[in-house]
Structure formats: structure tokens, C-alpha cells
Amino acid sequence: MTHEAATGGAGGPGLPQERRLVTAVPGPRSLEKFARRQQLVAAGVGTTLPVFVERAGGGVLVDADGNSLIDLASGIAVTGVGNAAPEVVERVVAQTAAFTHTCFMVTPYDGYVDVCAKLAELTPGTHAKKSALFNSGAEAVENAVKIARAATGRTAVAVFDHAYHGRTNLTMAMTSKNMPYKQGFGPFANEVYRAPMSYPFREPAEIDGVGAADRAIDLLEKQVGAANLACIVIEPIQGEGGFVVPADGFLPRLKEWTSANGIVFVADEIQTGFCRTGDWFAVDHEGVVPDLLTLAKGIAGGFPLAAVTGTAEIMDAVHAGGLGGTYGGNPVACAAALGAMEAMETHDLSAAARRLGAVMTHRLDGLAKAHPCIGDVRGRGAMVAVEIVGADGRLPDPVRAGALSAYCHSQGVVTLTCGTYGNVLRFLPPLVMPDALLEEAFDVLAEAFEATA
């Protein structure tokens, strides 16, 4: 069960990289703390696993009872560089000692500009780029729509089936899944139109990526009109929607169409960005160069920071004062982002994501041969999932998916479910996780399939 080698490099605070269970999960101290949480925290704030974490690093979370859990969630793809990467910690400590806030819109500082420079360097394309910084992924998406509307003079926004873009009013309208994200919160923003996604597992084999894109384009041209669209917003690999990987050719064909019709192509790389898929950004896989990218999650090693990065001309379409926010581009978060991106480059975390992905895919392909309930194994890099189905090989089985995840939790492995139908198990290990620890996590997953058969 144990791997005694402590983490190094980007891995964090020297915690032993081991799965260690000293109590049931959750243990008595976590349950006591969770009871207090229930008294004081709004019921609408959900919890996947009621353990209270006291330390974390590399590929483990250590809870209040001393249990060391293997982390296959990364705080939902946030802590790719680990929970306490030295490059992040050192810069954050120094910045905190200097100053914590001035508001960039009042008196600017180098950190904000340095992050924008790094994003211009790392994001796809060699054209002139600019950025604006915010606090969360939903803010980034909402501001990308504002920028696209200002740049085009148009109002309509196109999104896709199974999409997830956030929890603000506009981004709820853009999100596909009703429960728990939209139920009871309407009415929603208008001028948002939904097109069919390329979802290879759930559509006829004869529909390739280009054909799926043409299907979406045909619907948008007929029901909205290309001349009315300010932008399309799309996750290159869908996150909450089920780690849906569109067929090759889908994204390039959409980009070709948007470019020909003056529509802003917005890539929502909030979950896929910053080495997660084995490239700096998921669109790099097919060489797609978006007009705008929305970025968050993995950008800053756990600190709240988000960005819209894109073509300078489009970014500059908004009048002075039209973008911003009190905390957007906070100096401490910017310091964390510069440290996180340094760690990604120093430790080649894109290559690490590809290596971890190969391990996960190999293990899952083996499990799929033994367990017909695995309808599909998919993903890219360290963003991998399995879709759980019934005996017919197609009908979604969210009950089994939930049981699998619950078993993993009880055995000290943190897993997440997702998908429009709630039947997808997703795996998002920190990119600094030791291979042996990942193998052990998938040993537990194999036990889960046997235990829930």
C-alpha cells in the first residue's frame, strides 16, 4: 500500500506518497468537523467526500484523522503542479510580504502584466495578443462573451450540448445540464443557442468530426443565422459534460466556419488548459488557434485567478473601464500563476500528463475487457474517464458509477463523477503524482468494479 518516497520538485511539502488508512473514511474527527460545517455552511454548497484536509502535496491528501488519500481529483483539475509546489509557495510568500492588494484598476503592478506576457507567449498562435484577468472560470467566460459582442456588434452566442461554462446567470444559460446547476434559478439570459456536440460514443459511426461540425453549422445557420452570431463558445474536451472528446476534424471545421463568417471562436480551456491534456492547451492537439481563450483552474496552483486571452484587436474592442473587477488579477494570485507556469515548464508537466494518461488508459482498457459496464474509455493526457452503462452497452448507469466512486472513497482514493447523465467516472490526478501511487489507485478501482458487480 505504501510508497515511502517523499515528493520532490513540483510535488510539495515532502509528504510521504502513500495511501494510509488509520480510520474509516470519513473518520471521527472529519465527521465531527462535518457536523459543524452542516450547521454553518449553506446547504446548497455540496460536498463530494466529507473529509477535512489538513495537508496535501504530490498525489496525496492527508485528513484530520491522519488518513492519507490518493488524489484523483486535483481540486477539479486545479492543482496540476501539486498542492504546495515550491515555485508557487516561494513567490506567494514573497508577494504577500510585499503587498496583498491595491486593485490593478487603481494602481497597477508588474505581476498582472507579467502574467499577461506569459499567456501571450504560451497560448496558441504567433499573432499579437492581450489578456484581462479575473477571479473564476465563469467570470472569464462571461467576459469573453462581452468582448465578442463588443468586437462584432452582434448579440447571439452559440454553445453545445453537454457543455458546462459556469454558475452565473449568463453561464448557467450556456450550461447544458439542469440539475444541479440551473434548477430553480431562472429565468436565464437570452440570445444563447445550443448546437449538437460531436460525441463519438453516442452517435452513429458514420458521422466523423467534419460531419458533426457541419451538422452543428447547419443548425446554427438555419435557426440563428451566422450574421447574428457574436461567438461560439466550446470546450475542446468537455469537462462536467462527461469528458467528451470530439472526433478529429470537429474543432478545425468549426474554426474555419467562424473565421469565414466573422464569428469569434472562444475556446473554453478552463478545465483542459495548462498541460492537463498533454499539451499546454487542448486545442494544440489539432493546431486550432482560437480568437479568445478562457482560462482558470490550473493557472495558479490553487489560487483564484482566471483570464481571457486573445487577439489584441478583439480584446481591445471594449471601451476603457468595461472590463475588470476589484480582485481580478490579485497580486498574490498572479505570483502563484507565475510560479505555477514556471513549474510546468521546469518539470515538463505536459510530458508528465501524457505519461500518466498512458498508465490510466492502459489500466482502464484492461478493466473494460473484464467489465461490460464500461461502455467507453476516453480522454487525453491526464484527463481520462470511463462511461458506465447498463447491460445493453448504451443506457447510462449513474447508480453503478456512484457506487464505484463511493467504494473508492471508502478505500482512500478520491474520485469524481460527471456527465450529463451522471454516469461518468473522471480521473484528474495532479501532474506530479508518482506513477506507483497512480497504479495503486487503479488497483483500488479494479477492486471497486469487483465489489459493485
Protein backbone atom coordinates (compact mmCIF):
# COMPACT_ATOMS: atom_id res chain seq x y z
CA MET A 1 0.00 0.00 0.00
CA THR A 2 2.78 2.46 0.81
CA HIS A 3 5.24 4.43 -1.27
CA GLU A 4 7.69 6.00 1.13
CA ALA A 5 9.47 8.31 -1.31
CA ALA A 6 8.54 11.85 -0.44
CA THR A 7 7.58 14.22 -3.20
CA GLY A 8 10.22 16.36 -4.80
CA GLY A 9 10.45 19.12 -7.35
CA ALA A 10 6.95 20.44 -8.00
CA GLY A 11 5.45 17.94 -5.62
CA GLY A 12 5.08 19.99 -2.48
CA PRO A 13 5.73 19.72 1.22
CA GLY A 14 7.60 16.40 1.48
CA LEU A 15 4.60 14.27 2.38
CA PRO A 16 5.10 10.51 2.07
CA GLN A 17 3.44 9.44 -1.15
CA GLU A 18 1.33 6.68 0.29
CA ARG A 19 -2.24 5.55 0.77
CA ARG A 20 -2.64 5.12 4.51
CA LEU A 21 -5.92 4.35 6.27
CA VAL A 22 -5.93 4.65 10.06
CA THR A 23 -9.71 5.07 10.45
CA ALA A 24 -12.77 4.53 8.32
CA VAL A 25 -13.22 7.19 5.64
CA PRO A 26 -14.57 9.60 6.73
CA GLY A 27 -13.09 9.26 10.21
CA PRO A 28 -14.45 10.52 13.54
CA ARG A 29 -12.63 13.88 13.53
CA SER A 30 -13.76 14.61 9.97
CA LEU A 31 -17.32 13.65 10.84
CA GLU A 32 -17.23 15.97 13.86
CA LYS A 33 -15.96 18.81 11.69
CA PHE A 34 -18.52 18.00 9.01
CA ALA A 35 -21.35 18.27 11.55
CA ARG A 36 -20.12 21.80 12.35
CA ARG A 37 -19.95 22.53 8.61
CA GLN A 38 -23.59 21.45 8.27
CA GLN A 39 -24.62 23.94 10.96
CA LEU A 40 -22.77 26.91 9.46
CA VAL A 41 -22.42 26.44 5.69
CA ALA A 42 -25.35 26.87 3.30
CA ALA A 43 -26.95 23.59 2.26
CA GLY A 44 -26.59 24.50 -1.41
CA VAL A 45 -22.80 24.12 -1.19
CA GLY A 46 -22.26 20.43 -1.92
CA THR A 47 -19.50 18.06 -0.75
CA THR A 48 -18.23 15.04 -2.64
CA LEU A 49 -16.32 13.39 0.23
CA PRO A 50 -16.75 14.69 3.82
CA VAL A 51 -13.13 14.50 4.93
CA PHE A 52 -11.38 17.60 6.23
CA VAL A 53 -7.94 18.01 4.67
CA GLU A 54 -5.05 19.29 6.80
CA ARG A 55 -2.07 18.74 4.47
CA ALA A 56 -1.67 17.91 0.80
CA GLY A 57 1.09 17.53 -1.75
CA GLY A 58 2.20 15.43 -4.68
CA GLY A 59 -0.59 12.92 -5.15
CA VAL A 60 -1.99 12.73 -1.61
CA LEU A 61 -4.41 14.49 0.73
CA VAL A 62 -3.98 13.97 4.49
CA ASP A 63 -7.16 14.38 6.52
CA ALA A 64 -7.91 15.34 10.09
CA ASP A 65 -7.85 11.69 11.18
CA GLY A 66 -4.40 11.04 9.70
CA ASN A 67 -5.67 9.15 6.66
CA SER A 68 -3.56 9.70 3.54
CA LEU A 69 -5.80 9.59 0.47
CA ILE A 70 -4.75 9.27 -3.17
CA ASP A 71 -6.00 12.33 -5.04
CA LEU A 72 -7.56 11.66 -8.46
CA ALA A 73 -9.42 14.98 -8.46
CA SER A 74 -6.79 17.77 -8.15
CA GLY A 75 -9.49 20.05 -6.78
CA ILE A 76 -11.26 19.60 -10.14
CA ALA A 77 -8.16 19.99 -12.33
CA VAL A 78 -6.74 22.93 -10.33
CA THR A 79 -3.63 21.58 -8.59
CA GLY A 80 -1.82 20.17 -11.59
CA VAL A 81 1.51 21.37 -10.16
CA GLY A 82 0.64 19.90 -6.75
CA ASN A 83 -0.96 21.47 -3.72
CA ALA A 84 2.16 23.27 -2.49
CA ALA A 85 4.64 23.47 -5.35
CA PRO A 86 7.83 25.22 -4.17
CA GLU A 87 7.76 27.58 -7.17
CA VAL A 88 4.26 28.69 -6.14
CA VAL A 89 4.90 28.86 -2.40
CA GLU A 90 8.10 30.92 -2.69
CA ARG A 91 6.55 33.53 -4.96
CA VAL A 92 3.36 33.74 -2.89
CA VAL A 93 5.26 34.23 0.37
CA ALA A 94 7.38 36.98 -1.15
CA GLN A 95 4.41 38.76 -2.69
CA THR A 96 2.33 38.51 0.48
CA ALA A 97 5.14 40.12 2.42
CA ALA A 98 5.34 42.96 -0.13
CA PHE A 99 1.61 43.74 -0.51
CA THR A 100 -1.62 41.77 -0.91
CA HIS A 101 -3.81 44.19 -2.89
CA THR A 102 -4.02 47.57 -4.49
CA CYS A 103 -6.59 46.83 -7.24
CA PHE A 104 -4.98 46.82 -10.67
CA MET A 105 -7.55 49.33 -11.89
CA VAL A 106 -6.41 51.82 -9.23
CA THR A 107 -2.62 51.38 -9.16
CA PRO A 108 -1.12 48.66 -11.38
CA TYR A 109 1.77 46.32 -10.58
CA ASP A 110 4.16 44.13 -12.54
CA GLY A 111 2.68 40.75 -11.60
CA TYR A 112 -0.53 41.30 -13.59
CA VAL A 113 1.41 42.41 -16.66
CA ASP A 114 3.89 39.55 -16.26
CA VAL A 115 1.05 37.01 -16.28
CA CYS A 116 -0.39 38.59 -19.42
CA ALA A 117 3.04 38.40 -21.07
CA LYS A 118 3.37 34.73 -20.18
CA LEU A 119 -0.09 33.96 -21.52
CA ALA A 120 0.73 35.73 -24.78
CA GLU A 121 3.82 33.53 -25.06
CA LEU A 122 2.17 30.20 -24.20
CA THR A 123 -1.26 30.36 -25.86
CA PRO A 124 -1.69 29.21 -29.48
CA GLY A 125 -0.73 31.46 -32.38
CA THR A 126 2.02 33.95 -33.12
CA HIS A 127 -0.28 36.97 -33.53
CA ALA A 128 -0.37 39.93 -31.14
CA LYS A 129 -2.34 39.00 -28.01
CA LYS A 130 -3.67 40.71 -24.93
CA SER A 131 -5.29 39.44 -21.74
CA ALA A 132 -7.62 40.54 -18.97
CA LEU A 133 -7.53 38.81 -15.59
CA PHE A 134 -10.46 37.79 -13.40
CA ASN A 135 -11.22 35.52 -10.42
CA SER A 136 -13.06 32.47 -11.73
CA GLY A 137 -13.78 30.48 -14.85
CA ALA A 138 -17.36 31.68 -15.01
CA GLU A 139 -16.16 35.29 -14.91
CA ALA A 140 -13.75 34.56 -17.74
CA VAL A 141 -16.50 33.05 -19.90
CA GLU A 142 -18.90 35.90 -19.20
CA ASN A 143 -16.25 38.47 -20.08
CA ALA A 144 -15.30 36.61 -23.25
CA VAL A 145 -18.91 36.94 -24.39
CA LYS A 146 -18.86 40.65 -23.55
CA ILE A 147 -15.68 41.10 -25.55
CA ALA A 148 -17.05 39.16 -28.53
CA ARG A 149 -20.26 41.19 -28.54
CA ALA A 150 -18.32 44.45 -28.40
CA ALA A 151 -15.98 43.34 -31.20
CA THR A 152 -18.71 42.15 -33.57
CA GLY A 153 -21.71 44.32 -32.74
CA ARG A 154 -23.74 41.11 -32.61
CA THR A 155 -25.58 39.52 -29.69
CA ALA A 156 -26.16 35.78 -30.30
CA VAL A 157 -23.99 33.18 -28.56
CA ALA A 158 -23.70 29.54 -29.63
CA VAL A 159 -22.81 26.75 -27.21
CA PHE A 160 -23.01 22.97 -27.41
CA ASP A 161 -24.89 20.01 -25.95
CA HIS A 162 -23.33 18.71 -22.69
CA ALA A 163 -21.47 22.00 -22.14
CA TYR A 164 -20.57 23.40 -18.75
CA HIS A 165 -19.49 27.05 -18.55
CA GLY A 166 -20.29 28.24 -15.02
CA ARG A 167 -22.82 29.30 -12.43
CA THR A 168 -23.52 33.00 -13.14
CA ASN A 169 -26.79 33.84 -14.84
CA LEU A 170 -25.29 34.04 -18.33
CA THR A 171 -23.07 30.98 -17.89
CA MET A 172 -25.96 28.97 -16.46
CA ALA A 173 -27.82 29.75 -19.68
CA MET A 174 -24.77 28.49 -21.57
CA THR A 175 -24.52 25.32 -19.45
CA SER A 176 -26.42 22.31 -20.71
CA LYS A 177 -27.11 20.32 -17.53
CA ASN A 178 -30.11 21.38 -15.47
CA MET A 179 -29.56 19.61 -12.15
CA PRO A 180 -27.86 20.79 -10.00
CA TYR A 181 -26.61 23.83 -11.91
CA LYS A 182 -29.78 25.50 -13.20
CA GLN A 183 -32.75 24.02 -11.36
CA GLY A 184 -34.86 26.77 -9.78
CA PHE A 185 -32.55 29.65 -10.75
CA GLY A 186 -34.19 31.00 -13.91
CA PRO A 187 -35.09 32.96 -15.91
CA PHE A 188 -31.77 32.92 -17.70
CA ALA A 189 -30.04 35.27 -20.10
CA ASN A 190 -31.39 35.14 -23.64
CA GLU A 191 -29.70 35.00 -27.05
CA VAL A 192 -27.94 31.73 -26.18
CA TYR A 193 -28.38 28.93 -28.70
CA ARG A 194 -27.35 25.28 -28.39
CA ALA A 195 -25.87 23.12 -31.14
CA PRO A 196 -25.17 19.37 -31.19
CA MET A 197 -21.75 18.25 -29.98
CA SER A 198 -19.51 15.62 -31.52
CA TYR A 199 -19.95 12.76 -29.01
CA PRO A 200 -18.47 9.70 -30.75
CA PHE A 201 -19.73 7.13 -28.22
CA ARG A 202 -23.34 8.26 -28.59
CA GLU A 203 -23.73 8.85 -32.31
CA PRO A 204 -23.53 6.75 -35.49
CA ALA A 205 -20.03 5.73 -36.53
CA GLU A 206 -20.51 7.22 -39.98
CA ILE A 207 -20.62 10.75 -38.53
CA ASP A 208 -17.00 11.88 -38.41
CA GLY A 209 -15.69 15.11 -36.92
CA VAL A 210 -16.24 17.20 -40.03
CA GLY A 211 -19.73 15.76 -40.48
CA ALA A 212 -20.60 16.52 -36.86
CA ALA A 213 -19.35 20.08 -37.28
CA ASP A 214 -21.39 20.54 -40.46
CA ARG A 215 -24.45 19.27 -38.59
CA ALA A 216 -23.93 21.96 -35.93
CA ILE A 217 -23.22 24.64 -38.52
CA ASP A 218 -26.37 23.76 -40.47
CA LEU A 219 -28.49 24.11 -37.33
CA LEU A 220 -26.92 27.44 -36.37
CA GLU A 221 -27.24 28.89 -39.86
CA LYS A 222 -30.90 27.90 -40.06
CA GLN A 223 -32.01 28.75 -36.52
CA VAL A 224 -29.79 31.73 -35.68
CA GLY A 225 -28.02 32.97 -38.79
CA ALA A 226 -24.24 33.30 -39.00
CA ALA A 227 -24.56 37.08 -39.38
CA ASN A 228 -26.20 37.30 -35.94
CA LEU A 229 -23.61 35.26 -34.01
CA ALA A 230 -21.10 37.14 -31.90
CA CYS A 231 -19.28 33.95 -30.89
CA ILE A 232 -19.29 30.24 -30.39
CA VAL A 233 -18.01 29.03 -27.04
CA ILE A 234 -16.77 25.45 -26.83
CA GLU A 235 -14.73 23.25 -24.52
CA PRO A 236 -12.16 21.43 -26.70
CA ILE A 237 -12.77 18.44 -24.41
CA GLN A 238 -15.94 18.80 -22.39
CA GLY A 239 -15.43 18.63 -18.63
CA GLU A 240 -18.54 18.36 -16.49
CA GLY A 241 -20.44 17.10 -19.54
CA GLY A 242 -18.55 13.81 -19.37
CA PHE A 243 -15.01 14.31 -20.71
CA VAL A 244 -16.46 14.16 -24.20
CA VAL A 245 -13.64 14.24 -26.76
CA PRO A 246 -14.94 15.41 -30.15
CA ALA A 247 -13.90 13.46 -33.22
CA ASP A 248 -10.84 14.74 -35.06
CA GLY A 249 -11.77 17.46 -37.52
CA PHE A 250 -14.68 18.83 -35.49
CA LEU A 251 -12.87 21.82 -33.99
CA PRO A 252 -10.89 22.77 -37.14
CA ARG A 253 -14.08 22.76 -39.23
CA LEU A 254 -15.87 24.98 -36.72
CA LYS A 255 -12.92 27.37 -36.67
CA GLU A 256 -12.90 27.50 -40.48
CA TRP A 257 -16.60 28.41 -40.48
CA THR A 258 -16.34 31.04 -37.75
CA SER A 259 -13.39 32.71 -39.48
CA ALA A 260 -15.30 32.86 -42.77
CA ASN A 261 -18.30 34.47 -41.09
CA GLY A 262 -16.76 36.97 -38.69
CA ILE A 263 -17.75 34.92 -35.62
CA VAL A 264 -15.42 34.94 -32.61
CA PHE A 265 -14.20 31.41 -31.76
CA VAL A 266 -13.90 31.10 -27.96
CA ALA A 267 -12.12 28.02 -26.61
CA ASP A 268 -13.14 27.34 -23.01
CA GLU A 269 -9.86 25.83 -21.74
CA ILE A 270 -10.74 26.26 -18.08
CA GLN A 271 -10.52 22.54 -17.28
CA THR A 272 -8.32 21.43 -20.19
CA GLY A 273 -5.62 24.10 -20.03
CA PHE A 274 -2.13 24.25 -18.57
CA CYS A 275 -0.69 20.86 -19.54
CA ARG A 276 -3.70 18.82 -18.40
CA THR A 277 -4.29 17.11 -21.77
CA GLY A 278 -0.63 16.56 -22.61
CA ASP A 279 -0.28 19.87 -24.47
CA TRP A 280 -0.26 23.35 -22.99
CA PHE A 281 -3.83 23.68 -24.26
CA ALA A 282 -6.23 21.11 -25.66
CA VAL A 283 -6.68 22.99 -28.96
CA ASP A 284 -2.96 22.44 -29.64
CA HIS A 285 -3.76 18.81 -30.45
CA GLU A 286 -5.21 19.80 -33.84
CA GLY A 287 -3.45 23.12 -34.28
CA VAL A 288 -6.59 25.21 -33.76
CA VAL A 289 -5.87 28.87 -32.95
CA PRO A 290 -8.87 30.38 -31.13
CA ASP A 291 -9.71 34.07 -31.25
CA LEU A 292 -10.20 34.03 -27.47
CA LEU A 293 -9.36 31.52 -24.75
CA THR A 294 -10.94 31.40 -21.31
CA LEU A 295 -8.50 30.15 -18.67
CA ALA A 296 -8.67 29.36 -14.95
CA LYS A 297 -8.33 26.22 -12.74
CA GLY A 298 -4.74 25.03 -13.38
CA ILE A 299 -3.39 28.53 -14.00
CA ALA A 300 -2.29 29.37 -10.44
CA GLY A 301 -1.69 26.25 -8.35
CA GLY A 302 -4.87 26.63 -6.32
CA PHE A 303 -5.19 30.42 -6.10
CA PRO A 304 -8.27 32.10 -7.59
CA LEU A 305 -7.27 33.52 -10.94
CA ALA A 306 -8.79 33.45 -14.42
CA ALA A 307 -8.06 35.07 -17.75
CA VAL A 308 -9.39 35.87 -21.16
CA THR A 309 -6.52 35.84 -23.65
CA GLY A 310 -6.89 36.53 -27.35
CA THR A 311 -6.28 38.50 -30.47
CA ALA A 312 -5.23 42.03 -29.50
CA GLU A 313 -7.70 43.68 -31.87
CA ILE A 314 -10.64 41.75 -30.45
CA MET A 315 -9.53 42.24 -26.84
CA ASP A 316 -9.22 45.99 -27.44
CA ALA A 317 -12.79 46.31 -28.74
CA VAL A 318 -14.11 47.05 -25.25
CA HIS A 319 -14.11 50.66 -24.03
CA ALA A 320 -11.85 51.64 -21.12
CA GLY A 321 -13.44 50.59 -17.84
CA GLY A 322 -15.63 47.97 -19.49
CA LEU A 323 -13.56 45.08 -18.14
CA GLY A 324 -12.23 44.47 -14.67
CA GLY A 325 -13.21 43.78 -11.09
CA THR A 326 -11.96 44.60 -7.63
CA TYR A 327 -9.96 41.41 -7.16
CA GLY A 328 -9.25 40.44 -10.76
CA GLY A 329 -5.54 39.76 -11.17
CA ASN A 330 -4.86 39.97 -7.43
CA PRO A 331 -1.08 40.31 -6.91
CA VAL A 332 -0.77 37.18 -4.76
CA ALA A 333 -2.73 35.11 -7.28
CA CYS A 334 -0.56 36.50 -10.08
CA ALA A 335 2.56 35.48 -8.17
CA ALA A 336 1.10 32.00 -7.78
CA ALA A 337 0.37 31.83 -11.52
CA LEU A 338 3.91 32.81 -12.44
CA GLY A 339 5.21 30.12 -10.09
CA ALA A 340 2.81 27.52 -11.43
CA MET A 341 3.75 28.20 -15.05
CA GLU A 342 7.43 28.08 -14.08
CA ALA A 343 6.83 24.65 -12.51
CA MET A 344 5.01 23.43 -15.62
CA GLU A 345 7.96 24.40 -17.81
CA THR A 346 10.72 23.26 -15.44
CA HIS A 347 9.22 19.83 -14.84
CA ASP A 348 7.72 19.41 -18.35
CA LEU A 349 4.27 18.68 -16.98
CA SER A 350 2.82 18.24 -20.47
CA ALA A 351 5.02 15.16 -20.83
CA ALA A 352 4.04 14.09 -17.31
CA ALA A 353 0.36 14.34 -18.29
CA ARG A 354 0.96 12.12 -21.31
CA ARG A 355 2.78 9.55 -19.17
CA LEU A 356 0.05 9.49 -16.51
CA GLY A 357 -2.59 9.29 -19.23
CA ALA A 358 -0.89 6.27 -20.78
CA VAL A 359 -0.94 4.49 -17.41
CA MET A 360 -4.60 5.29 -16.81
CA THR A 361 -5.74 4.36 -20.31
CA HIS A 362 -3.85 1.06 -20.19
CA ARG A 363 -5.45 0.14 -16.87
CA LEU A 364 -8.93 1.21 -17.96
CA ASP A 365 -8.73 -0.64 -21.26
CA GLY A 366 -7.90 -3.76 -19.28
CA LEU A 367 -10.84 -3.22 -16.95
CA ALA A 368 -13.15 -2.63 -19.92
CA LYS A 369 -12.36 -6.11 -21.24
CA ALA A 370 -13.42 -7.64 -17.94
CA HIS A 371 -16.38 -5.39 -17.17
CA PRO A 372 -19.00 -4.77 -19.89
CA CYS A 373 -20.43 -1.90 -17.84
CA ILE A 374 -17.53 0.22 -19.15
CA GLY A 375 -19.05 1.49 -22.37
CA ASP A 376 -16.27 3.90 -23.30
CA VAL A 377 -12.76 4.81 -22.21
CA ARG A 378 -11.83 8.30 -23.36
CA GLY A 379 -9.81 11.39 -22.69
CA ARG A 380 -6.40 12.82 -23.44
CA GLY A 381 -3.34 13.22 -21.27
CA ALA A 382 -4.18 13.24 -17.56
CA MET A 383 -7.86 13.96 -18.28
CA VAL A 384 -9.38 10.49 -18.63
CA ALA A 385 -12.81 8.99 -17.97
CA VAL A 386 -14.96 5.91 -18.30
CA GLU A 387 -18.65 5.96 -19.18
CA ILE A 388 -20.65 3.41 -17.16
CA VAL A 389 -23.58 1.76 -18.93
CA GLY A 390 -26.17 -0.94 -18.45
CA ALA A 391 -26.40 -4.44 -19.87
CA ASP A 392 -27.34 -3.14 -23.33
CA GLY A 393 -23.98 -1.37 -23.58
CA ARG A 394 -25.60 2.06 -24.08
CA LEU A 395 -28.09 3.00 -21.34
CA PRO A 396 -26.40 5.30 -18.80
CA ASP A 397 -25.97 3.75 -15.34
CA PRO A 398 -25.43 6.57 -12.82
CA VAL A 399 -26.19 4.26 -9.89
CA ARG A 400 -23.24 1.99 -10.68
CA ALA A 401 -21.00 4.99 -11.32
CA GLY A 402 -21.91 6.40 -7.91
CA ALA A 403 -21.29 3.05 -6.23
CA LEU A 404 -17.87 2.76 -7.86
CA SER A 405 -16.90 6.21 -6.67
CA ALA A 406 -18.20 5.56 -3.15
CA TYR A 407 -16.14 2.35 -2.91
CA CYS A 408 -13.01 4.22 -3.97
CA HIS A 409 -13.70 6.88 -1.32
CA SER A 410 -14.06 4.25 1.39
CA GLN A 411 -10.67 2.82 0.41
CA GLY A 412 -8.83 6.13 0.39
CA VAL A 413 -8.99 7.16 -3.27
CA VAL A 414 -10.65 10.48 -4.14
CA THR A 415 -12.65 10.20 -7.36
CA LEU A 416 -15.27 12.34 -9.09
CA THR A 417 -18.28 11.58 -11.26
CA CYS A 418 -19.60 13.79 -14.06
CA GLY A 419 -21.59 13.68 -17.28
CA THR A 420 -24.97 14.86 -18.43
CA TYR A 421 -26.36 11.50 -17.27
CA GLY A 422 -24.21 11.29 -14.12
CA ASN A 423 -22.67 8.03 -15.32
CA VAL A 424 -19.06 9.02 -15.97
CA LEU A 425 -16.09 8.44 -13.65
CA ARG A 426 -13.41 11.06 -14.32
CA PHE A 427 -9.76 10.96 -13.32
CA LEU A 428 -7.70 14.13 -12.86
CA PRO A 429 -4.54 13.28 -10.90
CA PRO A 430 -2.05 16.01 -10.08
CA LEU A 431 0.53 16.04 -12.85
CA VAL A 432 3.26 15.48 -10.24
CA MET A 433 1.75 12.21 -8.96
CA PRO A 434 4.26 9.33 -8.73
CA ASP A 435 3.49 6.51 -11.17
CA ALA A 436 3.44 3.87 -8.42
CA LEU A 437 0.80 5.81 -6.49
CA LEU A 438 -1.34 6.09 -9.60
CA GLU A 439 -1.04 2.35 -10.18
CA GLU A 440 -2.21 1.72 -6.62
CA ALA A 441 -5.20 3.99 -7.12
CA PHE A 442 -6.21 1.92 -10.13
CA ASP A 443 -5.74 -1.29 -8.15
CA VAL A 444 -8.42 0.11 -5.83
CA LEU A 445 -10.59 0.99 -8.82
CA ALA A 446 -10.28 -2.61 -10.04
CA GLU A 447 -11.47 -3.77 -6.62
CA ALA A 448 -14.40 -1.35 -6.92
CA PHE A 449 -15.58 -2.96 -10.14
CA GLU A 450 -15.48 -6.40 -8.50
CA ALA A 451 -17.16 -5.18 -5.31
CA THR A 452 -20.04 -3.49 -7.16
CA ALA A 453 -20.58 -6.15 -9.85
